[in-house]
Amino acid sequence: MNRTAIARIIIPLILIGGVVSLGVHYDLQEDNHDPYPDSTDLKISPGEYVDRQVFVFGIVEELSEEQNAARIRIETDEGPFTAEITRFSTQNSVQSGGTVQVYGVFEGEYLIQADNVRVVNPAGSSKVYKYVASVVAAVLVMILFFRYWRLNIQTLGFKLR
């Protein structure tokens, strides 16, 4: 076997091994990626996360402007649960049924003292933008591809121009 054939076998094996090792490393470091407990963990064992920072998404069920609070429904793998949010700024122009993300301190019994609340209702134009940007990108890729390659009908393959 010549050196070129060996290199064509060894180099892809090294690259594949590198990608696999990065995947293993990522899996081992998973707990360090997101320092906040998962919503499912909050539902199953809320006592473990008292006085810890949490980051959750939920759907607003009820607003209380007088008490500066809200009640949100949080969806989890174990089913939804309801959490009370204190220090909920009603200046966020959110209504019942709107989706919010809440960053704050978990005080137990599904009570969160919010440090920051953001409304994440998607705009109607965001889907249109994603589709238009994808179509434009696909057309540009096809133009660049066929600028350097052409279809060879006889061999049903591509040939360099």
N, C-alpha and C. Protein backbone atom coordinates (compact mmCIF):
# COMPACT_ATOMS: atom_id res chain seq x y z
N MET A 1 0.85 -1.18 0.00
CA MET A 1 0.00 0.00 0.00
C MET A 1 0.89 1.25 0.00
N ASN A 2 0.58 2.19 -0.83
CA ASN A 2 1.41 3.39 -0.88
C ASN A 2 0.99 4.40 0.19
N ARG A 3 1.81 5.43 0.33
CA ARG A 3 1.58 6.42 1.39
C ARG A 3 0.30 7.21 1.18
N THR A 4 -0.08 7.48 -0.04
CA THR A 4 -1.29 8.24 -0.31
C THR A 4 -2.53 7.49 0.16
N ALA A 5 -2.56 6.19 -0.10
CA ALA A 5 -3.71 5.38 0.32
C ALA A 5 -3.79 5.31 1.84
N ILE A 6 -2.64 5.18 2.48
CA ILE A 6 -2.62 5.13 3.95
C ILE A 6 -3.09 6.47 4.52
N ALA A 7 -2.63 7.56 3.93
CA ALA A 7 -3.03 8.89 4.41
C ALA A 7 -4.53 9.10 4.23
N ARG A 8 -5.09 8.59 3.14
CA ARG A 8 -6.53 8.73 2.90
C ARG A 8 -7.36 7.94 3.90
N ILE A 9 -6.77 6.95 4.50
CA ILE A 9 -7.47 6.16 5.53
C ILE A 9 -7.24 6.76 6.91
N ILE A 10 -6.00 7.10 7.22
CA ILE A 10 -5.63 7.56 8.56
C ILE A 10 -6.22 8.94 8.88
N ILE A 11 -6.11 9.88 7.96
CA ILE A 11 -6.57 11.25 8.24
C ILE A 11 -8.06 11.30 8.57
N PRO A 12 -8.95 10.67 7.79
CA PRO A 12 -10.37 10.68 8.20
C PRO A 12 -10.62 9.99 9.54
N LEU A 13 -9.87 8.92 9.83
CA LEU A 13 -10.04 8.26 11.12
C LEU A 13 -9.65 9.19 12.28
N ILE A 14 -8.58 9.94 12.09
CA ILE A 14 -8.16 10.90 13.13
C ILE A 14 -9.22 11.99 13.31
N LEU A 15 -9.74 12.50 12.19
CA LEU A 15 -10.77 13.54 12.28
C LEU A 15 -12.04 13.03 12.94
N ILE A 16 -12.47 11.83 12.57
CA ILE A 16 -13.67 11.24 13.19
C ILE A 16 -13.44 11.00 14.67
N GLY A 17 -12.25 10.50 15.02
CA GLY A 17 -11.92 10.30 16.43
C GLY A 17 -11.95 11.60 17.22
N GLY A 18 -11.46 12.68 16.60
CA GLY A 18 -11.49 13.99 17.26
C GLY A 18 -12.91 14.47 17.50
N VAL A 19 -13.78 14.30 16.52
CA VAL A 19 -15.17 14.72 16.68
C VAL A 19 -15.86 13.90 17.77
N VAL A 20 -15.61 12.59 17.79
CA VAL A 20 -16.21 11.73 18.82
C VAL A 20 -15.70 12.13 20.20
N SER A 21 -14.41 12.41 20.32
CA SER A 21 -13.88 12.79 21.64
C SER A 21 -14.45 14.13 22.10
N LEU A 22 -14.69 15.06 21.18
CA LEU A 22 -15.32 16.32 21.56
C LEU A 22 -16.75 16.09 22.05
N GLY A 23 -17.46 15.16 21.42
CA GLY A 23 -18.81 14.83 21.87
C GLY A 23 -18.81 14.24 23.26
N VAL A 24 -17.85 13.36 23.54
CA VAL A 24 -17.74 12.76 24.87
C VAL A 24 -17.42 13.84 25.91
N HIS A 25 -16.49 14.73 25.57
CA HIS A 25 -16.14 15.82 26.49
C HIS A 25 -17.34 16.71 26.77
N TYR A 26 -18.09 17.05 25.74
CA TYR A 26 -19.27 17.90 25.91
C TYR A 26 -20.28 17.23 26.84
N ASP A 27 -20.49 15.93 26.66
CA ASP A 27 -21.44 15.22 27.51
C ASP A 27 -20.97 15.19 28.96
N LEU A 28 -19.67 15.01 29.18
CA LEU A 28 -19.15 14.98 30.55
C LEU A 28 -19.25 16.34 31.23
N GLN A 29 -19.20 17.41 30.47
CA GLN A 29 -19.25 18.76 31.02
C GLN A 29 -20.65 19.37 30.98
N GLU A 30 -21.67 18.56 30.74
CA GLU A 30 -23.03 19.08 30.55
C GLU A 30 -23.53 19.91 31.73
N ASP A 31 -23.21 19.51 32.93
CA ASP A 31 -23.70 20.24 34.10
C ASP A 31 -23.11 21.65 34.19
N ASN A 32 -21.96 21.86 33.59
CA ASN A 32 -21.32 23.18 33.64
C ASN A 32 -21.87 24.14 32.58
N HIS A 33 -22.61 23.63 31.61
CA HIS A 33 -23.11 24.48 30.53
C HIS A 33 -24.25 25.38 31.01
N ASP A 34 -25.12 24.86 31.81
CA ASP A 34 -26.28 25.62 32.25
C ASP A 34 -26.33 25.57 33.78
N PRO A 35 -26.01 26.67 34.44
CA PRO A 35 -25.94 26.64 35.90
C PRO A 35 -27.30 26.64 36.59
N TYR A 36 -28.37 26.77 35.82
CA TYR A 36 -29.70 26.85 36.42
C TYR A 36 -30.38 25.49 36.39
N PRO A 37 -31.18 25.19 37.42
CA PRO A 37 -31.90 23.92 37.41
C PRO A 37 -32.96 23.90 36.31
N ASP A 38 -33.22 22.71 35.81
CA ASP A 38 -34.23 22.51 34.77
C ASP A 38 -35.62 22.67 35.39
N SER A 39 -36.60 23.04 34.58
CA SER A 39 -37.98 23.20 35.07
C SER A 39 -38.51 21.91 35.65
N THR A 40 -38.15 20.79 35.04
CA THR A 40 -38.59 19.48 35.55
C THR A 40 -38.03 19.24 36.94
N ASP A 41 -36.75 19.60 37.16
CA ASP A 41 -36.15 19.45 38.48
C ASP A 41 -36.86 20.31 39.52
N LEU A 42 -37.26 21.51 39.12
CA LEU A 42 -38.00 22.38 40.05
C LEU A 42 -39.32 21.77 40.46
N LYS A 43 -39.99 21.10 39.53
CA LYS A 43 -41.28 20.50 39.85
C LYS A 43 -41.12 19.27 40.73
N ILE A 44 -40.13 18.44 40.43
CA ILE A 44 -39.96 17.18 41.16
C ILE A 44 -39.47 17.42 42.58
N SER A 45 -38.44 18.24 42.73
CA SER A 45 -37.88 18.45 44.07
C SER A 45 -37.60 19.94 44.30
N PRO A 46 -38.65 20.71 44.58
CA PRO A 46 -38.46 22.15 44.75
C PRO A 46 -37.62 22.53 45.97
N GLY A 47 -37.60 21.69 46.98
CA GLY A 47 -36.86 22.01 48.20
C GLY A 47 -35.36 22.09 47.99
N GLU A 48 -34.84 21.39 47.00
CA GLU A 48 -33.40 21.39 46.75
C GLU A 48 -32.90 22.71 46.17
N TYR A 49 -33.78 23.49 45.60
CA TYR A 49 -33.35 24.67 44.86
C TYR A 49 -33.75 25.99 45.52
N VAL A 50 -34.11 25.94 46.80
CA VAL A 50 -34.47 27.16 47.53
C VAL A 50 -33.24 28.07 47.62
N ASP A 51 -33.45 29.36 47.40
CA ASP A 51 -32.41 30.39 47.43
C ASP A 51 -31.37 30.23 46.33
N ARG A 52 -31.73 29.58 45.24
CA ARG A 52 -30.83 29.46 44.09
C ARG A 52 -31.40 30.25 42.92
N GLN A 53 -30.53 30.70 42.05
CA GLN A 53 -30.95 31.41 40.85
C GLN A 53 -31.61 30.41 39.89
N VAL A 54 -32.72 30.81 39.30
CA VAL A 54 -33.42 29.97 38.32
C VAL A 54 -33.70 30.80 37.07
N PHE A 55 -33.89 30.10 35.98
CA PHE A 55 -34.22 30.72 34.70
C PHE A 55 -35.28 29.85 34.06
N VAL A 56 -36.52 30.36 33.99
CA VAL A 56 -37.64 29.56 33.50
C VAL A 56 -38.43 30.33 32.45
N PHE A 57 -39.12 29.58 31.62
CA PHE A 57 -40.06 30.13 30.65
C PHE A 57 -41.46 29.71 31.09
N GLY A 58 -42.42 30.59 30.91
CA GLY A 58 -43.78 30.23 31.28
C GLY A 58 -44.80 31.09 30.57
N ILE A 59 -46.05 30.64 30.67
CA ILE A 59 -47.18 31.35 30.07
C ILE A 59 -47.94 32.06 31.18
N VAL A 60 -48.14 33.35 31.02
CA VAL A 60 -48.80 34.15 32.06
C VAL A 60 -50.27 33.74 32.15
N GLU A 61 -50.68 33.38 33.36
CA GLU A 61 -52.09 33.03 33.60
C GLU A 61 -52.84 34.18 34.25
N GLU A 62 -52.16 34.91 35.14
CA GLU A 62 -52.84 35.98 35.88
C GLU A 62 -51.83 37.06 36.26
N LEU A 63 -52.24 38.30 36.13
CA LEU A 63 -51.41 39.44 36.51
C LEU A 63 -52.04 40.17 37.68
N SER A 64 -51.22 40.64 38.60
CA SER A 64 -51.69 41.45 39.72
C SER A 64 -50.84 42.71 39.77
N GLU A 65 -51.36 43.79 39.18
CA GLU A 65 -50.60 45.03 39.12
C GLU A 65 -50.43 45.66 40.50
N GLU A 66 -51.44 45.50 41.38
CA GLU A 66 -51.35 46.09 42.71
C GLU A 66 -50.21 45.47 43.51
N GLN A 67 -50.05 44.16 43.41
CA GLN A 67 -49.01 43.47 44.18
C GLN A 67 -47.73 43.29 43.39
N ASN A 68 -47.71 43.77 42.16
CA ASN A 68 -46.54 43.63 41.30
C ASN A 68 -46.13 42.16 41.20
N ALA A 69 -47.11 41.31 40.90
CA ALA A 69 -46.88 39.87 40.87
C ALA A 69 -47.63 39.26 39.69
N ALA A 70 -47.29 38.01 39.41
CA ALA A 70 -47.96 37.27 38.34
C ALA A 70 -47.92 35.79 38.66
N ARG A 71 -48.82 35.06 38.04
CA ARG A 71 -48.82 33.60 38.14
C ARG A 71 -48.58 33.07 36.73
N ILE A 72 -47.58 32.20 36.59
CA ILE A 72 -47.27 31.65 35.27
C ILE A 72 -47.34 30.12 35.31
N ARG A 73 -47.66 29.54 34.15
CA ARG A 73 -47.69 28.09 34.01
C ARG A 73 -46.41 27.67 33.29
N ILE A 74 -45.68 26.76 33.91
CA ILE A 74 -44.41 26.29 33.37
C ILE A 74 -44.60 24.85 32.90
N GLU A 75 -44.30 24.60 31.64
CA GLU A 75 -44.42 23.26 31.07
C GLU A 75 -43.14 22.47 31.35
N THR A 76 -43.30 21.20 31.76
CA THR A 76 -42.16 20.33 32.00
C THR A 76 -42.43 18.96 31.40
N ASP A 77 -41.43 18.10 31.47
CA ASP A 77 -41.60 16.72 31.00
C ASP A 77 -42.56 15.95 31.90
N GLU A 78 -42.68 16.37 33.14
CA GLU A 78 -43.55 15.71 34.11
C GLU A 78 -44.94 16.35 34.17
N GLY A 79 -45.22 17.25 33.28
CA GLY A 79 -46.49 17.96 33.29
C GLY A 79 -46.31 19.39 33.77
N PRO A 80 -47.30 20.24 33.54
CA PRO A 80 -47.15 21.65 33.90
C PRO A 80 -47.31 21.89 35.40
N PHE A 81 -46.74 22.99 35.87
CA PHE A 81 -46.99 23.45 37.23
C PHE A 81 -47.08 24.97 37.20
N THR A 82 -47.66 25.53 38.26
CA THR A 82 -47.87 26.97 38.35
C THR A 82 -46.89 27.57 39.35
N ALA A 83 -46.31 28.71 38.99
CA ALA A 83 -45.38 29.41 39.88
C ALA A 83 -45.85 30.85 40.06
N GLU A 84 -45.68 31.34 41.28
CA GLU A 84 -45.98 32.74 41.58
C GLU A 84 -44.69 33.54 41.41
N ILE A 85 -44.79 34.66 40.71
CA ILE A 85 -43.63 35.51 40.46
C ILE A 85 -43.84 36.83 41.20
N THR A 86 -42.93 37.17 42.12
CA THR A 86 -42.99 38.47 42.79
C THR A 86 -42.00 39.41 42.11
N ARG A 87 -42.17 40.71 42.36
CA ARG A 87 -41.38 41.75 41.69
C ARG A 87 -41.50 41.62 40.17
N PHE A 88 -42.70 41.32 39.72
CA PHE A 88 -42.98 41.17 38.29
C PHE A 88 -43.34 42.54 37.73
N SER A 89 -42.49 43.08 36.91
CA SER A 89 -42.73 44.41 36.35
C SER A 89 -43.83 44.34 35.30
N THR A 90 -44.91 45.07 35.53
CA THR A 90 -46.01 45.07 34.57
C THR A 90 -45.75 46.04 33.43
N GLN A 91 -44.60 46.68 33.42
CA GLN A 91 -44.25 47.57 32.32
C GLN A 91 -43.82 46.79 31.08
N ASN A 92 -43.77 45.48 31.19
CA ASN A 92 -43.33 44.65 30.08
C ASN A 92 -44.38 44.48 29.01
N SER A 93 -45.53 45.08 29.17
CA SER A 93 -46.65 44.99 28.22
C SER A 93 -46.98 43.55 27.87
N VAL A 94 -47.10 42.73 28.89
CA VAL A 94 -47.50 41.35 28.69
C VAL A 94 -48.94 41.20 29.14
N GLN A 95 -49.66 40.32 28.47
CA GLN A 95 -51.04 40.05 28.83
C GLN A 95 -51.17 38.59 29.21
N SER A 96 -52.31 38.22 29.76
CA SER A 96 -52.55 36.82 30.06
C SER A 96 -52.46 36.01 28.78
N GLY A 97 -51.75 34.90 28.85
CA GLY A 97 -51.53 34.07 27.67
C GLY A 97 -50.21 34.34 27.00
N GLY A 98 -49.54 35.42 27.40
CA GLY A 98 -48.24 35.75 26.82
C GLY A 98 -47.13 34.90 27.42
N THR A 99 -46.08 34.72 26.68
CA THR A 99 -44.94 33.93 27.14
C THR A 99 -43.86 34.86 27.68
N VAL A 100 -43.31 34.50 28.85
CA VAL A 100 -42.25 35.29 29.47
C VAL A 100 -41.11 34.37 29.89
N GLN A 101 -39.93 34.96 29.99
CA GLN A 101 -38.82 34.26 30.62
C GLN A 101 -38.48 35.01 31.90
N VAL A 102 -38.27 34.26 32.95
CA VAL A 102 -38.06 34.86 34.27
C VAL A 102 -36.72 34.39 34.82
N TYR A 103 -35.92 35.35 35.25
CA TYR A 103 -34.66 35.07 35.92
C TYR A 103 -34.78 35.63 37.33
N GLY A 104 -34.56 34.78 38.32
CA GLY A 104 -34.70 35.25 39.69
C GLY A 104 -34.31 34.19 40.70
N VAL A 105 -34.67 34.44 41.94
CA VAL A 105 -34.33 33.54 43.05
C VAL A 105 -35.54 32.69 43.39
N PHE A 106 -35.34 31.37 43.43
CA PHE A 106 -36.40 30.44 43.79
C PHE A 106 -36.53 30.42 45.30
N GLU A 107 -37.71 30.77 45.81
CA GLU A 107 -37.92 30.88 47.25
C GLU A 107 -38.71 29.71 47.83
N GLY A 108 -38.89 28.67 47.07
CA GLY A 108 -39.60 27.50 47.56
C GLY A 108 -41.09 27.58 47.30
N GLU A 109 -41.74 26.44 47.35
CA GLU A 109 -43.18 26.34 47.11
C GLU A 109 -43.60 27.09 45.85
N TYR A 110 -42.79 26.94 44.83
CA TYR A 110 -43.08 27.51 43.51
C TYR A 110 -43.26 29.02 43.56
N LEU A 111 -42.42 29.69 44.33
CA LEU A 111 -42.42 31.14 44.43
C LEU A 111 -41.06 31.64 43.94
N ILE A 112 -41.07 32.53 42.96
CA ILE A 112 -39.83 33.06 42.39
C ILE A 112 -39.83 34.57 42.55
N GLN A 113 -38.76 35.10 43.13
CA GLN A 113 -38.59 36.55 43.23
C GLN A 113 -37.79 36.97 41.99
N ALA A 114 -38.46 37.65 41.08
CA ALA A 114 -37.86 37.96 39.78
C ALA A 114 -36.83 39.07 39.88
N ASP A 115 -35.69 38.83 39.25
CA ASP A 115 -34.69 39.88 39.06
C ASP A 115 -34.85 40.50 37.68
N ASN A 116 -35.32 39.69 36.73
CA ASN A 116 -35.47 40.16 35.36
C ASN A 116 -36.58 39.36 34.69
N VAL A 117 -37.47 40.05 34.00
CA VAL A 117 -38.56 39.40 33.26
C VAL A 117 -38.55 39.94 31.84
N ARG A 118 -38.60 39.04 30.87
CA ARG A 118 -38.63 39.44 29.47
C ARG A 118 -39.82 38.79 28.78
N VAL A 119 -40.49 39.55 27.94
CA VAL A 119 -41.59 39.03 27.14
C VAL A 119 -40.99 38.41 25.89
N VAL A 120 -41.40 37.19 25.56
CA VAL A 120 -40.82 36.50 24.40
C VAL A 120 -41.89 36.12 23.39
N ASN A 121 -42.96 36.89 23.33
CA ASN A 121 -43.97 36.61 22.32
C ASN A 121 -43.35 36.82 20.94
N PRO A 122 -43.40 35.82 20.08
CA PRO A 122 -42.80 35.99 18.76
C PRO A 122 -43.62 36.95 17.91
N ALA A 123 -42.92 37.74 17.14
CA ALA A 123 -43.60 38.63 16.21
C ALA A 123 -44.07 37.82 15.01
N GLY A 124 -45.16 38.21 14.40
CA GLY A 124 -45.68 37.47 13.25
C GLY A 124 -44.73 37.49 12.07
N SER A 125 -43.91 38.53 11.97
CA SER A 125 -42.99 38.64 10.84
C SER A 125 -41.74 37.79 11.00
N SER A 126 -41.49 37.24 12.19
CA SER A 126 -40.25 36.49 12.38
C SER A 126 -40.22 35.21 11.55
N LYS A 127 -41.35 34.54 11.40
CA LYS A 127 -41.38 33.32 10.58
C LYS A 127 -41.14 33.66 9.12
N VAL A 128 -41.77 34.72 8.64
CA VAL A 128 -41.58 35.13 7.25
C VAL A 128 -40.12 35.46 7.00
N TYR A 129 -39.50 36.17 7.94
CA TYR A 129 -38.09 36.52 7.80
C TYR A 129 -37.21 35.27 7.70
N LYS A 130 -37.47 34.28 8.57
CA LYS A 130 -36.68 33.05 8.54
C LYS A 130 -36.80 32.34 7.20
N TYR A 131 -38.00 32.23 6.67
CA TYR A 131 -38.19 31.55 5.40
C TYR A 131 -37.55 32.32 4.25
N VAL A 132 -37.71 33.63 4.22
CA VAL A 132 -37.12 34.43 3.14
C VAL A 132 -35.60 34.36 3.20
N ALA A 133 -35.03 34.47 4.39
CA ALA A 133 -33.57 34.39 4.52
C ALA A 133 -33.07 33.01 4.09
N SER A 134 -33.81 31.95 4.40
CA SER A 134 -33.40 30.61 3.99
C SER A 134 -33.46 30.44 2.48
N VAL A 135 -34.48 30.96 1.84
CA VAL A 135 -34.60 30.86 0.38
C VAL A 135 -33.47 31.64 -0.30
N VAL A 136 -33.19 32.83 0.18
CA VAL A 136 -32.10 33.63 -0.39
C VAL A 136 -30.77 32.91 -0.24
N ALA A 137 -30.52 32.34 0.93
CA ALA A 137 -29.28 31.61 1.16
C ALA A 137 -29.18 30.39 0.25
N ALA A 138 -30.28 29.66 0.09
CA ALA A 138 -30.26 28.48 -0.79
C ALA A 138 -29.97 28.87 -2.23
N VAL A 139 -30.56 29.95 -2.70
CA VAL A 139 -30.32 30.41 -4.08
C VAL A 139 -28.85 30.81 -4.25
N LEU A 140 -28.29 31.52 -3.28
CA LEU A 140 -26.88 31.91 -3.37
C LEU A 140 -25.95 30.71 -3.38
N VAL A 141 -26.24 29.71 -2.57
CA VAL A 141 -25.42 28.49 -2.55
C VAL A 141 -25.51 27.78 -3.89
N MET A 142 -26.69 27.69 -4.46
CA MET A 142 -26.85 27.03 -5.77
C MET A 142 -26.09 27.80 -6.86
N ILE A 143 -26.15 29.12 -6.83
CA ILE A 143 -25.43 29.92 -7.83
C ILE A 143 -23.93 29.68 -7.71
N LEU A 144 -23.41 29.71 -6.48
CA LEU A 144 -21.98 29.48 -6.30
C LEU A 144 -21.58 28.06 -6.71
N PHE A 145 -22.42 27.10 -6.39
CA PHE A 145 -22.11 25.71 -6.74
C PHE A 145 -22.03 25.55 -8.25
N PHE A 146 -23.05 26.02 -8.96
CA PHE A 146 -23.08 25.82 -10.41
C PHE A 146 -22.16 26.79 -11.15
N ARG A 147 -21.57 27.73 -10.46
CA ARG A 147 -20.56 28.58 -11.09
C ARG A 147 -19.27 27.79 -11.30
N TYR A 148 -18.98 26.84 -10.41
CA TYR A 148 -17.75 26.07 -10.50
C TYR A 148 -17.96 24.64 -11.01
N TRP A 149 -19.18 24.16 -10.95
CA TRP A 149 -19.47 22.79 -11.36
C TRP A 149 -20.59 22.81 -12.41
N ARG A 150 -20.60 21.77 -13.23
CA ARG A 150 -21.72 21.61 -14.17
C ARG A 150 -22.13 20.15 -14.18
N LEU A 151 -23.36 19.92 -14.52
CA LEU A 151 -23.93 18.59 -14.52
C LEU A 151 -23.53 17.86 -15.79
N ASN A 152 -23.00 16.65 -15.63
CA ASN A 152 -22.65 15.80 -16.76
C ASN A 152 -23.73 14.74 -16.87
N ILE A 153 -24.59 14.87 -17.87
CA ILE A 153 -25.74 13.97 -18.02
C ILE A 153 -25.30 12.54 -18.33
N GLN A 154 -24.21 12.38 -19.06
CA GLN A 154 -23.78 11.04 -19.47
C GLN A 154 -23.35 10.20 -18.28
N THR A 155 -22.66 10.82 -17.32
CA THR A 155 -22.19 10.05 -16.16
C THR A 155 -23.07 10.27 -14.92
N LEU A 156 -24.08 11.11 -15.07
CA LEU A 156 -24.95 11.48 -13.94
C LEU A 156 -24.11 11.95 -12.75
N GLY A 157 -23.20 12.84 -13.03
CA GLY A 157 -22.33 13.39 -12.00
C GLY A 157 -22.03 14.84 -12.28
N PHE A 158 -21.18 15.41 -11.48
CA PHE A 158 -20.79 16.80 -11.66
C PHE A 158 -19.36 16.85 -12.14
N LYS A 159 -19.09 17.85 -12.96
CA LYS A 159 -17.77 17.99 -13.55
C LYS A 159 -17.30 19.43 -13.32
N LEU A 160 -16.02 19.60 -13.01
CA LEU A 160 -15.46 20.92 -12.80
C LEU A 160 -15.48 21.69 -14.11
N ARG A 161 -15.87 22.95 -14.07
CA ARG A 161 -15.92 23.77 -15.30
C ARG A 161 -14.53 24.10 -15.78
